Structures are given as C-alpha cells and as structure tokens.
Amino acid sequence: MTGVPLGDSLANLCSRYRSRYCDSTATGEELYSQIPQGLAGEICPFDDQKADASAWLDKLPVIVDFRRRLLGG
C-alpha cells in the first residue's frame, strides 16, 4: 500500500483532477468549474473535461494542517 488511506469523502475531495467544462447557454458558451478561478492547471491527459486542481488543493486547510502535522512544521 502506498500513500495515506483516506475516508471516501476526503479521498473524493482530494482527487487531483476536477471537472471543468463549457456548456452552451442562451447567451453563449459558459465555463463551469469545480476549481476556483485562477487555480486550474493543465488539462487531464485522460479526460479533457477535467483539469489539475493541485494548486487549489494545496491551499485547503485540511491539506495544509495535514502537511504541517506530518512534516512537523
């Protein structure tokens, strides 16, 4: 086993790639994203409807606290 086992809800939250897609609306194309503006990275190599969310995930308090505790900082 590698990594740290996570509960289902935390594992889903920490998935590196999050949904991001354009949808047609009455006023044109609109971007929908689970990743806050400015924090989406490269498009997922196996699903072009997702983008790398690492920059956003690295800022989440649960991740910051986990790393602080793990690394002793």
C-alpha atoms as a PDB file:
ATOM      1  CA  MET A   1       0.000   0.000   0.000  1.00  0.00           C
ATOM      2  CA  THR A   2       1.264   3.456  -0.832  1.00  0.00           C
ATOM      3  CA  GLY A   3       0.108   6.834   0.406  1.00  0.00           C
ATOM      4  CA  VAL A   4      -2.218   7.553   3.268  1.00  0.00           C
ATOM      5  CA  PRO A   5      -5.633   5.893   3.444  1.00  0.00           C
ATOM      6  CA  LEU A   6      -8.453   8.443   3.370  1.00  0.00           C
ATOM      7  CA  GLY A   7     -12.163   8.208   4.071  1.00  0.00           C
ATOM      8  CA  ASP A   8     -14.354   8.239   0.957  1.00  0.00           C
ATOM      9  CA  SER A   9     -15.394  11.891   1.299  1.00  0.00           C
ATOM     10  CA  LEU A  10     -11.829  13.153   1.808  1.00  0.00           C
ATOM     11  CA  ALA A  11     -10.472  10.940  -0.969  1.00  0.00           C
ATOM     12  CA  ASN A  12     -13.084  12.365  -3.354  1.00  0.00           C
ATOM     13  CA  LEU A  13     -12.226  15.924  -2.316  1.00  0.00           C
ATOM     14  CA  CYS A  14      -8.504  15.325  -2.800  1.00  0.00           C
ATOM     15  CA  SER A  15      -8.773  13.892  -6.291  1.00  0.00           C
ATOM     16  CA  ARG A  16      -6.090  15.699  -8.318  1.00  0.00           C
ATOM     17  CA  TYR A  17      -8.315  16.257 -11.345  1.00  0.00           C
ATOM     18  CA  ARG A  18     -11.632  18.091 -11.007  1.00  0.00           C
ATOM     19  CA  SER A  19     -14.434  18.725 -13.512  1.00  0.00           C
ATOM     20  CA  ARG A  20     -14.236  21.719 -15.796  1.00  0.00           C
ATOM     21  CA  TYR A  21     -16.314  22.086 -18.935  1.00  0.00           C
ATOM     22  CA  CYS A  22     -18.055  24.542 -21.236  1.00  0.00           C
ATOM     23  CA  ASP A  23     -21.793  24.434 -21.677  1.00  0.00           C
ATOM     24  CA  SER A  24     -23.950  26.168 -24.262  1.00  0.00           C
ATOM     25  CA  THR A  25     -26.416  28.659 -22.832  1.00  0.00           C
ATOM     26  CA  ALA A  26     -28.846  31.140 -24.394  1.00  0.00           C
ATOM     27  CA  THR A  27     -26.103  33.776 -24.116  1.00  0.00           C
ATOM     28  CA  GLY A  28     -23.264  31.616 -25.459  1.00  0.00           C
ATOM     29  CA  GLU A  29     -20.648  29.287 -24.001  1.00  0.00           C
ATOM     30  CA  GLU A  30     -20.246  29.305 -20.227  1.00  0.00           C
ATOM     31  CA  LEU A  31     -17.415  27.669 -18.241  1.00  0.00           C
ATOM     32  CA  TYR A  32     -18.387  25.523 -15.272  1.00  0.00           C
ATOM     33  CA  SER A  33     -15.585  24.510 -12.940  1.00  0.00           C
ATOM     34  CA  GLN A  34     -15.149  22.851  -9.547  1.00  0.00           C
ATOM     35  CA  ILE A  35     -11.794  24.658  -9.341  1.00  0.00           C
ATOM     36  CA  PRO A  36     -11.759  28.325  -8.270  1.00  0.00           C
ATOM     37  CA  GLN A  37     -10.793  30.841 -10.950  1.00  0.00           C
ATOM     38  CA  GLY A  38      -7.045  31.147 -11.470  1.00  0.00           C
ATOM     39  CA  LEU A  39      -6.181  27.816  -9.809  1.00  0.00           C
ATOM     40  CA  ALA A  40      -6.870  25.324 -12.614  1.00  0.00           C
ATOM     41  CA  GLY A  41      -3.763  23.676 -14.008  1.00  0.00           C
ATOM     42  CA  GLU A  42      -3.122  21.503 -17.048  1.00  0.00           C
ATOM     43  CA  ILE A  43      -5.933  19.553 -18.692  1.00  0.00           C
ATOM     44  CA  CYS A  44      -6.123  15.927 -17.531  1.00  0.00           C
ATOM     45  CA  PRO A  45      -4.282  13.641 -20.012  1.00  0.00           C
ATOM     46  CA  PHE A  46      -7.064  11.029 -19.970  1.00  0.00           C
ATOM     47  CA  ASP A  47     -10.194  13.238 -19.609  1.00  0.00           C
ATOM     48  CA  ASP A  48     -10.379  16.641 -21.308  1.00  0.00           C
ATOM     49  CA  GLN A  49     -13.371  17.571 -19.130  1.00  0.00           C
ATOM     50  CA  LYS A  50     -11.069  17.777 -16.077  1.00  0.00           C
ATOM     51  CA  ALA A  51      -8.110  19.931 -15.068  1.00  0.00           C
ATOM     52  CA  ASP A  52      -5.333  19.628 -12.484  1.00  0.00           C
ATOM     53  CA  ALA A  53      -6.604  21.025  -9.169  1.00  0.00           C
ATOM     54  CA  SER A  54      -3.301  20.706  -7.249  1.00  0.00           C
ATOM     55  CA  ALA A  55      -2.804  24.460  -6.790  1.00  0.00           C
ATOM     56  CA  TRP A  56      -6.273  24.722  -5.217  1.00  0.00           C
ATOM     57  CA  LEU A  57      -5.997  21.552  -3.125  1.00  0.00           C
ATOM     58  CA  ASP A  58      -2.659  22.705  -1.701  1.00  0.00           C
ATOM     59  CA  LYS A  59      -4.482  25.704  -0.183  1.00  0.00           C
ATOM     60  CA  LEU A  60      -7.263  23.740   1.556  1.00  0.00           C
ATOM     61  CA  PRO A  61      -6.988  23.979   5.366  1.00  0.00           C
ATOM     62  CA  VAL A  62      -7.289  20.205   5.828  1.00  0.00           C
ATOM     63  CA  ILE A  63      -4.323  19.644   3.477  1.00  0.00           C
ATOM     64  CA  VAL A  64      -2.257  22.471   4.993  1.00  0.00           C
ATOM     65  CA  ASP A  65      -2.875  21.090   8.501  1.00  0.00           C
ATOM     66  CA  PHE A  66      -2.102  17.513   7.443  1.00  0.00           C
ATOM     67  CA  ARG A  67       1.219  18.529   5.894  1.00  0.00           C
ATOM     68  CA  ARG A  68       2.109  20.697   8.893  1.00  0.00           C
ATOM     69  CA  ARG A  69       1.465  17.791  11.260  1.00  0.00           C
ATOM     70  CA  LEU A  70       3.206  15.246   9.024  1.00  0.00           C
ATOM     71  CA  LEU A  71       6.263  17.397   8.416  1.00  0.00           C
ATOM     72  CA  GLY A  72       6.325  18.865  11.921  1.00  0.00           C
ATOM     73  CA  GLY A  73       6.269  22.469  10.680  1.00  0.00           C
END
